[in-house]
Amino acid sequence: MSERLQGKISLVTGAARGIGRATALRLASEGSPVVVNDIDAEGAEAVAVEIEKAGGRALALPADVTDLAQLESLFAAAQAQCGPLDVLVNNAGGDTPTAMADCGPERYAAVLALNLHAVWNCCQAALRQMAPRRCGAIVSISSGAGLGASEGLAAYGAAKAGVISLMRNIAQEYGPLGIRANSISPGPIASPGMLTWLDTLPGGAESWGAHIPTRRLGEPEEIANAVLFLASDEASYVNGAMLPVDGGVSGVLAAPPV
């Protein structure tokens, strides 16, 4: 194990699978005691056990971060059992494509509750622990859908664009207190949710990957590596940034297939 985050307490939301699981494992491998959060209690506990078997330290604290009471209890329990947070990774999120005209008020509210409002509330809770100590790093997982339009993801894209803006505002407001806030916009990642959706499309993951400049989907571990960098002191002068980790997708102009 390395020590890039030695002694720094981290909390990762949505950590039972995919990017969240990979991130929790990566942070723990660098010496961080990790609070593993997910709405899936069994999944969170399994990841915590996996971390400890690898020689790390972890605490599973299941909670629904869209429920403010559960969220506040989560952060209080994390502080009581592990100490004040040094690193918050807002990873919980997701959506499935739905035409905007078919996205009713309840669905729209649910998408924003998970992908933006929960991030806002987690950041507030973390800042209450970080600000008095004048240190901390917040990394929020946005999406390529927050950078450009994607059919069926109007609500999700709006929420993820909001996450990018929120991180920039936290960076500006809390930078003087030694707190950094950055976002990552993953491209198509071979996470369970993404793969399940791609299986419903003609050609599946292979066809989708063929249109990416790197000619493949990304792996959850590749996002976790970016999270580690932004959470570590190696990124001490990186604040308010949005880092695309997308195999080059965001750098490509629209063009007809050749």
C-alpha atoms as a PDB file:
ATOM      1  CA  MET A   1       0.000   0.000   0.000  1.00  0.00           C
ATOM      2  CA  SER A   2       1.112   3.556  -0.754  1.00  0.00           C
ATOM      3  CA  GLU A   3       0.547   6.593   1.470  1.00  0.00           C
ATOM      4  CA  ARG A   4      -0.698   9.435  -0.740  1.00  0.00           C
ATOM      5  CA  LEU A   5      -3.789   9.769   1.454  1.00  0.00           C
ATOM      6  CA  GLN A   6      -2.331   8.438   4.673  1.00  0.00           C
ATOM      7  CA  GLY A   7      -4.548   9.373   7.626  1.00  0.00           C
ATOM      8  CA  LYS A   8      -7.068  11.300   5.526  1.00  0.00           C
ATOM      9  CA  ILE A   9     -10.659  10.244   6.150  1.00  0.00           C
ATOM     10  CA  SER A  10     -12.677   9.775   2.955  1.00  0.00           C
ATOM     11  CA  LEU A  11     -16.382   9.262   2.314  1.00  0.00           C
ATOM     12  CA  VAL A  12     -17.565   7.876  -1.018  1.00  0.00           C
ATOM     13  CA  THR A  13     -21.264   7.870  -1.889  1.00  0.00           C
ATOM     14  CA  GLY A  14     -22.729   5.231  -4.182  1.00  0.00           C
ATOM     15  CA  ALA A  15     -19.734   3.022  -3.422  1.00  0.00           C
ATOM     16  CA  ALA A  16     -21.253  -0.458  -3.694  1.00  0.00           C
ATOM     17  CA  ARG A  17     -20.442  -0.918  -7.374  1.00  0.00           C
ATOM     18  CA  GLY A  18     -18.908   0.563 -10.488  1.00  0.00           C
ATOM     19  CA  ILE A  19     -17.024   3.848 -10.194  1.00  0.00           C
ATOM     20  CA  GLY A  20     -17.864   4.211  -6.506  1.00  0.00           C
ATOM     21  CA  ARG A  21     -16.507   0.795  -5.595  1.00  0.00           C
ATOM     22  CA  ALA A  22     -13.342   1.330  -7.647  1.00  0.00           C
ATOM     23  CA  THR A  23     -12.852   4.729  -6.007  1.00  0.00           C
ATOM     24  CA  ALA A  24     -13.287   3.404  -2.468  1.00  0.00           C
ATOM     25  CA  LEU A  25     -10.761   0.654  -3.148  1.00  0.00           C
ATOM     26  CA  ARG A  26      -8.282   3.077  -4.723  1.00  0.00           C
ATOM     27  CA  LEU A  27      -8.437   5.631  -1.923  1.00  0.00           C
ATOM     28  CA  ALA A  28      -8.056   2.903   0.672  1.00  0.00           C
ATOM     29  CA  SER A  29      -5.029   1.508  -1.177  1.00  0.00           C
ATOM     30  CA  GLU A  30      -3.359   4.898  -0.648  1.00  0.00           C
ATOM     31  CA  GLY A  31      -3.819   4.858   3.112  1.00  0.00           C
ATOM     32  CA  SER A  32      -7.198   6.538   3.544  1.00  0.00           C
ATOM     33  CA  PRO A  33      -9.733   5.100   5.978  1.00  0.00           C
ATOM     34  CA  VAL A  34     -12.852   5.046   3.772  1.00  0.00           C
ATOM     35  CA  VAL A  35     -16.496   5.435   4.740  1.00  0.00           C
ATOM     36  CA  VAL A  36     -18.329   3.291   2.185  1.00  0.00           C
ATOM     37  CA  ASN A  37     -21.816   4.660   1.576  1.00  0.00           C
ATOM     38  CA  ASP A  38     -24.568   3.242  -0.584  1.00  0.00           C
ATOM     39  CA  ILE A  39     -28.313   2.722  -0.428  1.00  0.00           C
ATOM     40  CA  ASP A  40     -27.455  -0.976  -0.887  1.00  0.00           C
ATOM     41  CA  ALA A  41     -26.400  -2.005   2.625  1.00  0.00           C
ATOM     42  CA  GLU A  42     -25.123  -5.461   1.616  1.00  0.00           C
ATOM     43  CA  GLY A  43     -23.145  -4.014  -1.283  1.00  0.00           C
ATOM     44  CA  ALA A  44     -21.561  -1.352   0.923  1.00  0.00           C
ATOM     45  CA  GLU A  45     -20.579  -3.934   3.519  1.00  0.00           C
ATOM     46  CA  ALA A  46     -19.090  -6.188   0.829  1.00  0.00           C
ATOM     47  CA  VAL A  47     -16.859  -3.362  -0.419  1.00  0.00           C
ATOM     48  CA  ALA A  48     -15.788  -2.510   3.130  1.00  0.00           C
ATOM     49  CA  VAL A  49     -14.833  -6.150   3.702  1.00  0.00           C
ATOM     50  CA  GLU A  50     -12.935  -6.169   0.400  1.00  0.00           C
ATOM     51  CA  ILE A  51     -10.949  -3.113   1.496  1.00  0.00           C
ATOM     52  CA  GLU A  52     -10.078  -4.633   4.866  1.00  0.00           C
ATOM     53  CA  LYS A  53      -9.006  -7.932   3.305  1.00  0.00           C
ATOM     54  CA  ALA A  54      -6.587  -5.914   1.157  1.00  0.00           C
ATOM     55  CA  GLY A  55      -5.100  -4.365   4.282  1.00  0.00           C
ATOM     56  CA  GLY A  56      -7.053  -1.101   4.323  1.00  0.00           C
ATOM     57  CA  ARG A  57      -9.526   0.429   6.744  1.00  0.00           C
ATOM     58  CA  ALA A  58     -13.198   0.879   5.931  1.00  0.00           C
ATOM     59  CA  LEU A  59     -16.578   1.476   7.517  1.00  0.00           C
ATOM     60  CA  ALA A  60     -19.832   0.681   5.728  1.00  0.00           C
ATOM     61  CA  LEU A  61     -22.560   3.257   6.426  1.00  0.00           C
ATOM     62  CA  PRO A  62     -25.612   2.617   4.241  1.00  0.00           C
ATOM     63  CA  ALA A  63     -27.955   5.555   3.661  1.00  0.00           C
ATOM     64  CA  ASP A  64     -30.150   7.082   0.962  1.00  0.00           C
ATOM     65  CA  VAL A  65     -28.466  10.416   0.217  1.00  0.00           C
ATOM     66  CA  THR A  66     -31.669  11.766  -1.328  1.00  0.00           C
ATOM     67  CA  ASP A  67     -33.216  11.644   2.155  1.00  0.00           C
ATOM     68  CA  LEU A  68     -31.888  14.638   4.104  1.00  0.00           C
ATOM     69  CA  ALA A  69     -32.391  13.035   7.515  1.00  0.00           C
ATOM     70  CA  GLN A  70     -30.476   9.905   6.463  1.00  0.00           C
ATOM     71  CA  LEU A  71     -27.767  12.035   4.874  1.00  0.00           C
ATOM     72  CA  GLU A  72     -27.234  14.089   8.009  1.00  0.00           C
ATOM     73  CA  SER A  73     -27.111  10.920  10.114  1.00  0.00           C
ATOM     74  CA  LEU A  74     -24.546   9.485   7.685  1.00  0.00           C
ATOM     75  CA  PHE A  75     -22.159  12.420   8.093  1.00  0.00           C
ATOM     76  CA  ALA A  76     -22.656  12.556  11.842  1.00  0.00           C
ATOM     77  CA  ALA A  77     -21.911   8.836  12.177  1.00  0.00           C
ATOM     78  CA  ALA A  78     -18.876   9.109   9.910  1.00  0.00           C
ATOM     79  CA  GLN A  79     -17.439  11.891  12.057  1.00  0.00           C
ATOM     80  CA  ALA A  80     -18.245  10.139  15.321  1.00  0.00           C
ATOM     81  CA  GLN A  81     -16.681   6.830  14.285  1.00  0.00           C
ATOM     82  CA  CYS A  82     -13.812   7.959  12.056  1.00  0.00           C
ATOM     83  CA  GLY A  83     -13.205  11.653  12.706  1.00  0.00           C
ATOM     84  CA  PRO A  84     -13.868  14.741  10.569  1.00  0.00           C
ATOM     85  CA  LEU A  85     -13.762  14.238   6.822  1.00  0.00           C
ATOM     86  CA  ASP A  86     -10.794  15.192   4.691  1.00  0.00           C
ATOM     87  CA  VAL A  87     -12.170  13.921   1.378  1.00  0.00           C
ATOM     88  CA  LEU A  88     -15.722  13.728   0.028  1.00  0.00           C
ATOM     89  CA  VAL A  89     -16.432  11.926  -3.231  1.00  0.00           C
ATOM     90  CA  ASN A  90     -19.943  12.571  -4.553  1.00  0.00           C
ATOM     91  CA  ASN A  91     -20.483   9.567  -6.792  1.00  0.00           C
ATOM     92  CA  ALA A  92     -24.100   8.491  -6.189  1.00  0.00           C
ATOM     93  CA  GLY A  93     -26.178   9.231  -9.271  1.00  0.00           C
ATOM     94  CA  GLY A  94     -27.581   7.867 -12.480  1.00  0.00           C
ATOM     95  CA  ASP A  95     -30.532   7.858 -14.833  1.00  0.00           C
ATOM     96  CA  THR A  96     -31.978   5.984 -17.787  1.00  0.00           C
ATOM     97  CA  PRO A  97     -32.821   7.755 -21.069  1.00  0.00           C
ATOM     98  CA  THR A  98     -36.316   9.205 -21.262  1.00  0.00           C
ATOM     99  CA  ALA A  99     -37.645  11.645 -23.850  1.00  0.00           C
ATOM    100  CA  MET A 100     -38.089  15.076 -22.307  1.00  0.00           C
ATOM    101  CA  ALA A 101     -41.788  15.140 -23.203  1.00  0.00           C
ATOM    102  CA  ASP A 102     -42.248  11.892 -21.255  1.00  0.00           C
ATOM    103  CA  CYS A 103     -40.300  13.030 -18.192  1.00  0.00           C
ATOM    104  CA  GLY A 104     -43.091  14.049 -15.823  1.00  0.00           C
ATOM    105  CA  PRO A 105     -42.691  16.235 -12.742  1.00  0.00           C
ATOM    106  CA  GLU A 106     -42.112  13.332 -10.349  1.00  0.00           C
ATOM    107  CA  ARG A 107     -39.424  11.729 -12.490  1.00  0.00           C
ATOM    108  CA  TYR A 108     -37.762  15.093 -13.137  1.00  0.00           C
ATOM    109  CA  ALA A 109     -37.704  15.829  -9.406  1.00  0.00           C
ATOM    110  CA  ALA A 110     -36.259  12.379  -8.650  1.00  0.00           C
ATOM    111  CA  VAL A 111     -33.453  12.793 -11.202  1.00  0.00           C
ATOM    112  CA  LEU A 112     -32.478  16.170  -9.749  1.00  0.00           C
ATOM    113  CA  ALA A 113     -32.802  14.897  -6.171  1.00  0.00           C
ATOM    114  CA  LEU A 114     -30.212  12.162  -6.770  1.00  0.00           C
ATOM    115  CA  ASN A 115     -27.867  13.869  -9.195  1.00  0.00           C
ATOM    116  CA  LEU A 116     -27.782  17.462  -7.921  1.00  0.00           C
ATOM    117  CA  HIS A 117     -29.646  18.073  -4.664  1.00  0.00           C
ATOM    118  CA  ALA A 118     -27.902  15.178  -2.886  1.00  0.00           C
ATOM    119  CA  VAL A 119     -24.548  16.550  -4.017  1.00  0.00           C
ATOM    120  CA  TRP A 120     -25.469  19.980  -2.639  1.00  0.00           C
ATOM    121  CA  ASN A 121     -26.528  18.508   0.703  1.00  0.00           C
ATOM    122  CA  CYS A 122     -23.460  16.244   0.963  1.00  0.00           C
ATOM    123  CA  CYS A 123     -21.202  19.215   0.255  1.00  0.00           C
ATOM    124  CA  GLN A 124     -22.886  21.301   2.950  1.00  0.00           C
ATOM    125  CA  ALA A 125     -22.496  18.491   5.467  1.00  0.00           C
ATOM    126  CA  ALA A 126     -18.846  17.975   4.543  1.00  0.00           C
ATOM    127  CA  LEU A 127     -18.041  21.684   4.618  1.00  0.00           C
ATOM    128  CA  ARG A 128     -19.287  21.894   8.194  1.00  0.00           C
ATOM    129  CA  GLN A 129     -16.559  19.398   9.086  1.00  0.00           C
ATOM    130  CA  MET A 130     -13.856  20.788   6.776  1.00  0.00           C
ATOM    131  CA  ALA A 131     -14.188  24.556   7.229  1.00  0.00           C
ATOM    132  CA  PRO A 132     -13.243  24.712  10.936  1.00  0.00           C
ATOM    133  CA  ARG A 133     -10.060  22.758  10.155  1.00  0.00           C
ATOM    134  CA  ARG A 134      -9.313  24.840   7.018  1.00  0.00           C
ATOM    135  CA  CYS A 135      -8.630  21.844   4.812  1.00  0.00           C
ATOM    136  CA  GLY A 136     -10.447  19.333   2.642  1.00  0.00           C
ATOM    137  CA  ALA A 137     -11.050  18.092  -0.885  1.00  0.00           C
ATOM    138  CA  ILE A 138     -14.389  17.518  -2.589  1.00  0.00           C
ATOM    139  CA  VAL A 139     -14.548  15.553  -5.842  1.00  0.00           C
ATOM    140  CA  SER A 140     -17.910  15.205  -7.573  1.00  0.00           C
ATOM    141  CA  ILE A 141     -18.644  12.852 -10.438  1.00  0.00           C
ATOM    142  CA  SER A 142     -20.451  14.744 -13.164  1.00  0.00           C
ATOM    143  CA  SER A 143     -20.945  13.321 -16.673  1.00  0.00           C
ATOM    144  CA  GLY A 144     -20.310  13.964 -20.317  1.00  0.00           C
ATOM    145  CA  ALA A 145     -24.056  14.607 -20.403  1.00  0.00           C
ATOM    146  CA  GLY A 146     -23.334  17.729 -18.349  1.00  0.00           C
ATOM    147  CA  LEU A 147     -21.055  19.026 -21.108  1.00  0.00           C
ATOM    148  CA  GLY A 148     -23.138  18.325 -24.191  1.00  0.00           C
ATOM    149  CA  ALA A 149     -26.599  17.175 -25.176  1.00  0.00           C
ATOM    150  CA  SER A 150     -27.436  13.483 -25.153  1.00  0.00           C
ATOM    151  CA  GLU A 151     -30.785  12.207 -26.376  1.00  0.00           C
ATOM    152  CA  GLY A 152     -33.105  11.265 -23.536  1.00  0.00           C
ATOM    153  CA  LEU A 153     -30.906  12.758 -20.820  1.00  0.00           C
ATOM    154  CA  ALA A 154     -32.210  16.322 -20.570  1.00  0.00           C
ATOM    155  CA  ALA A 155     -32.916  16.208 -16.828  1.00  0.00           C
ATOM    156  CA  TYR A 156     -29.778  14.210 -16.044  1.00  0.00           C
ATOM    157  CA  GLY A 157     -27.615  16.482 -18.166  1.00  0.00           C
ATOM    158  CA  ALA A 158     -29.036  19.593 -16.502  1.00  0.00           C
ATOM    159  CA  ALA A 159     -28.296  18.117 -13.066  1.00  0.00           C
ATOM    160  CA  LYS A 160     -24.747  17.128 -13.996  1.00  0.00           C
ATOM    161  CA  ALA A 161     -24.060  20.567 -15.497  1.00  0.00           C
ATOM    162  CA  GLY A 162     -25.239  21.946 -12.172  1.00  0.00           C
ATOM    163  CA  VAL A 163     -22.691  19.765 -10.367  1.00  0.00           C
ATOM    164  CA  ILE A 164     -19.852  21.295 -12.411  1.00  0.00           C
ATOM    165  CA  SER A 165     -21.065  24.804 -11.576  1.00  0.00           C
ATOM    166  CA  LEU A 166     -21.516  23.921  -7.913  1.00  0.00           C
ATOM    167  CA  MET A 167     -17.926  22.707  -7.611  1.00  0.00           C
ATOM    168  CA  ARG A 168     -16.664  25.940  -9.165  1.00  0.00           C
ATOM    169  CA  ASN A 169     -18.664  28.006  -6.718  1.00  0.00           C
ATOM    170  CA  ILE A 170     -17.458  26.002  -3.711  1.00  0.00           C
ATOM    171  CA  ALA A 171     -13.884  26.405  -4.981  1.00  0.00           C
ATOM    172  CA  GLN A 172     -14.305  30.169  -5.174  1.00  0.00           C
ATOM    173  CA  GLU A 173     -16.033  30.530  -1.815  1.00  0.00           C
ATOM    174  CA  TYR A 174     -14.035  28.043   0.246  1.00  0.00           C
ATOM    175  CA  GLY A 175     -10.650  28.175  -1.464  1.00  0.00           C
ATOM    176  CA  PRO A 176      -9.492  30.804   1.055  1.00  0.00           C
ATOM    177  CA  LEU A 177     -10.152  28.215   3.777  1.00  0.00           C
ATOM    178  CA  GLY A 178      -7.914  25.642   2.134  1.00  0.00           C
ATOM    179  CA  ILE A 179     -10.783  23.598   0.681  1.00  0.00           C
ATOM    180  CA  ARG A 180     -10.689  22.441  -2.922  1.00  0.00           C
ATOM    181  CA  ALA A 181     -13.667  21.326  -5.022  1.00  0.00           C
ATOM    182  CA  ASN A 182     -13.391  19.750  -8.471  1.00  0.00           C
ATOM    183  CA  SER A 183     -15.511  17.619 -10.786  1.00  0.00           C
ATOM    184  CA  ILE A 184     -14.847  14.755 -13.153  1.00  0.00           C
ATOM    185  CA  SER A 185     -16.897  14.154 -16.277  1.00  0.00           C
ATOM    186  CA  PRO A 186     -16.585  10.478 -17.215  1.00  0.00           C
ATOM    187  CA  GLY A 187     -17.233   9.305 -20.716  1.00  0.00           C
ATOM    188  CA  PRO A 188     -18.767   5.891 -21.434  1.00  0.00           C
ATOM    189  CA  ILE A 189     -17.537   3.654 -18.609  1.00  0.00           C
ATOM    190  CA  ALA A 190     -17.917  -0.112 -18.361  1.00  0.00           C
ATOM    191  CA  SER A 191     -19.861   0.103 -15.111  1.00  0.00           C
ATOM    192  CA  PRO A 192     -22.771  -2.254 -14.371  1.00  0.00           C
ATOM    193  CA  GLY A 193     -25.424   0.385 -15.087  1.00  0.00           C
ATOM    194  CA  MET A 194     -23.847   1.506 -18.352  1.00  0.00           C
ATOM    195  CA  LEU A 195     -23.331  -2.036 -19.576  1.00  0.00           C
ATOM    196  CA  THR A 196     -26.934  -2.966 -18.769  1.00  0.00           C
ATOM    197  CA  TRP A 197     -28.169  -0.031 -20.851  1.00  0.00           C
ATOM    198  CA  LEU A 198     -25.772  -0.736 -23.731  1.00  0.00           C
ATOM    199  CA  ASP A 199     -27.031  -4.312 -23.870  1.00  0.00           C
ATOM    200  CA  THR A 200     -30.399  -2.903 -24.986  1.00  0.00           C
ATOM    201  CA  LEU A 201     -28.867  -1.154 -28.022  1.00  0.00           C
ATOM    202  CA  PRO A 202     -27.937  -2.665 -31.398  1.00  0.00           C
ATOM    203  CA  GLY A 203     -24.325  -3.784 -31.283  1.00  0.00           C
ATOM    204  CA  GLY A 204     -24.082  -3.251 -27.537  1.00  0.00           C
ATOM    205  CA  ALA A 205     -20.905  -2.102 -25.831  1.00  0.00           C
ATOM    206  CA  GLU A 206     -18.646  -3.083 -28.731  1.00  0.00           C
ATOM    207  CA  SER A 207     -20.503  -0.882 -31.213  1.00  0.00           C
ATOM    208  CA  TRP A 208     -20.603   2.030 -28.769  1.00  0.00           C
ATOM    209  CA  GLY A 209     -16.904   1.740 -28.016  1.00  0.00           C
ATOM    210  CA  ALA A 210     -16.010   1.807 -31.704  1.00  0.00           C
ATOM    211  CA  HIS A 211     -17.118   5.466 -31.883  1.00  0.00           C
ATOM    212  CA  ILE A 212     -14.805   6.590 -29.057  1.00  0.00           C
ATOM    213  CA  PRO A 213     -11.370   7.928 -30.071  1.00  0.00           C
ATOM    214  CA  THR A 214      -9.668   5.290 -27.898  1.00  0.00           C
ATOM    215  CA  ARG A 215     -11.967   2.669 -29.484  1.00  0.00           C
ATOM    216  CA  ARG A 216     -13.095   1.249 -26.165  1.00  0.00           C
ATOM    217  CA  LEU A 217     -15.151   1.984 -23.081  1.00  0.00           C
ATOM    218  CA  GLY A 218     -13.351   3.311 -20.021  1.00  0.00           C
ATOM    219  CA  GLU A 219     -12.939   1.261 -16.874  1.00  0.00           C
ATOM    220  CA  PRO A 220     -14.172   2.328 -13.407  1.00  0.00           C
ATOM    221  CA  GLU A 221     -10.576   2.162 -12.167  1.00  0.00           C
ATOM    222  CA  GLU A 222      -9.599   4.870 -14.654  1.00  0.00           C
ATOM    223  CA  ILE A 223     -12.075   7.263 -13.052  1.00  0.00           C
ATOM    224  CA  ALA A 224     -10.877   6.191  -9.598  1.00  0.00           C
ATOM    225  CA  ASN A 225      -7.311   7.130 -10.549  1.00  0.00           C
ATOM    226  CA  ALA A 226      -8.484  10.624 -11.500  1.00  0.00           C
ATOM    227  CA  VAL A 227     -10.389  10.933  -8.211  1.00  0.00           C
ATOM    228  CA  LEU A 228      -7.260   9.949  -6.313  1.00  0.00           C
ATOM    229  CA  PHE A 229      -5.228  12.661  -8.014  1.00  0.00           C
ATOM    230  CA  LEU A 230      -7.791  15.383  -7.288  1.00  0.00           C
ATOM    231  CA  ALA A 231      -8.176  14.220  -3.680  1.00  0.00           C
ATOM    232  CA  SER A 232      -4.429  14.106  -3.029  1.00  0.00           C
ATOM    233  CA  ASP A 233      -1.957  16.862  -2.241  1.00  0.00           C
ATOM    234  CA  GLU A 234      -0.540  16.379  -5.738  1.00  0.00           C
ATOM    235  CA  ALA A 235      -3.516  18.454  -6.903  1.00  0.00           C
ATOM    236  CA  SER A 236      -2.992  21.152  -4.275  1.00  0.00           C
ATOM    237  CA  TYR A 237      -3.343  23.963  -6.859  1.00  0.00           C
ATOM    238  CA  VAL A 238      -6.208  22.368  -8.786  1.00  0.00           C
ATOM    239  CA  ASN A 239      -9.449  24.000  -7.684  1.00  0.00           C
ATOM    240  CA  GLY A 240     -12.738  24.546  -9.488  1.00  0.00           C
ATOM    241  CA  ALA A 241     -11.625  22.355 -12.385  1.00  0.00           C
ATOM    242  CA  MET A 242     -13.705  20.018 -14.513  1.00  0.00           C
ATOM    243  CA  LEU A 243     -11.634  17.050 -15.679  1.00  0.00           C
ATOM    244  CA  PRO A 244     -12.991  15.023 -18.618  1.00  0.00           C
ATOM    245  CA  VAL A 245     -11.988  11.372 -18.386  1.00  0.00           C
ATOM    246  CA  ASP A 246     -13.668  10.180 -21.534  1.00  0.00           C
ATOM    247  CA  GLY A 247     -11.195   8.720 -23.994  1.00  0.00           C
ATOM    248  CA  GLY A 248     -11.328  11.902 -26.055  1.00  0.00           C
ATOM    249  CA  VAL A 249     -15.097  12.067 -26.605  1.00  0.00           C
ATOM    250  CA  SER A 250     -15.443  15.676 -25.446  1.00  0.00           C
ATOM    251  CA  GLY A 251     -12.700  16.809 -27.812  1.00  0.00           C
ATOM    252  CA  VAL A 252     -14.316  15.511 -30.997  1.00  0.00           C
ATOM    253  CA  LEU A 253     -16.335  17.657 -33.394  1.00  0.00           C
ATOM    254  CA  ALA A 254     -19.581  16.267 -34.738  1.00  0.00           C
ATOM    255  CA  ALA A 255     -18.975  14.783 -38.175  1.00  0.00           C
ATOM    256  CA  PRO A 256     -20.645  12.262 -40.483  1.00  0.00           C
ATOM    257  CA  PRO A 257     -19.291   8.716 -40.231  1.00  0.00           C
ATOM    258  CA  VAL A 258     -16.560   7.845 -42.725  1.00  0.00           C
END
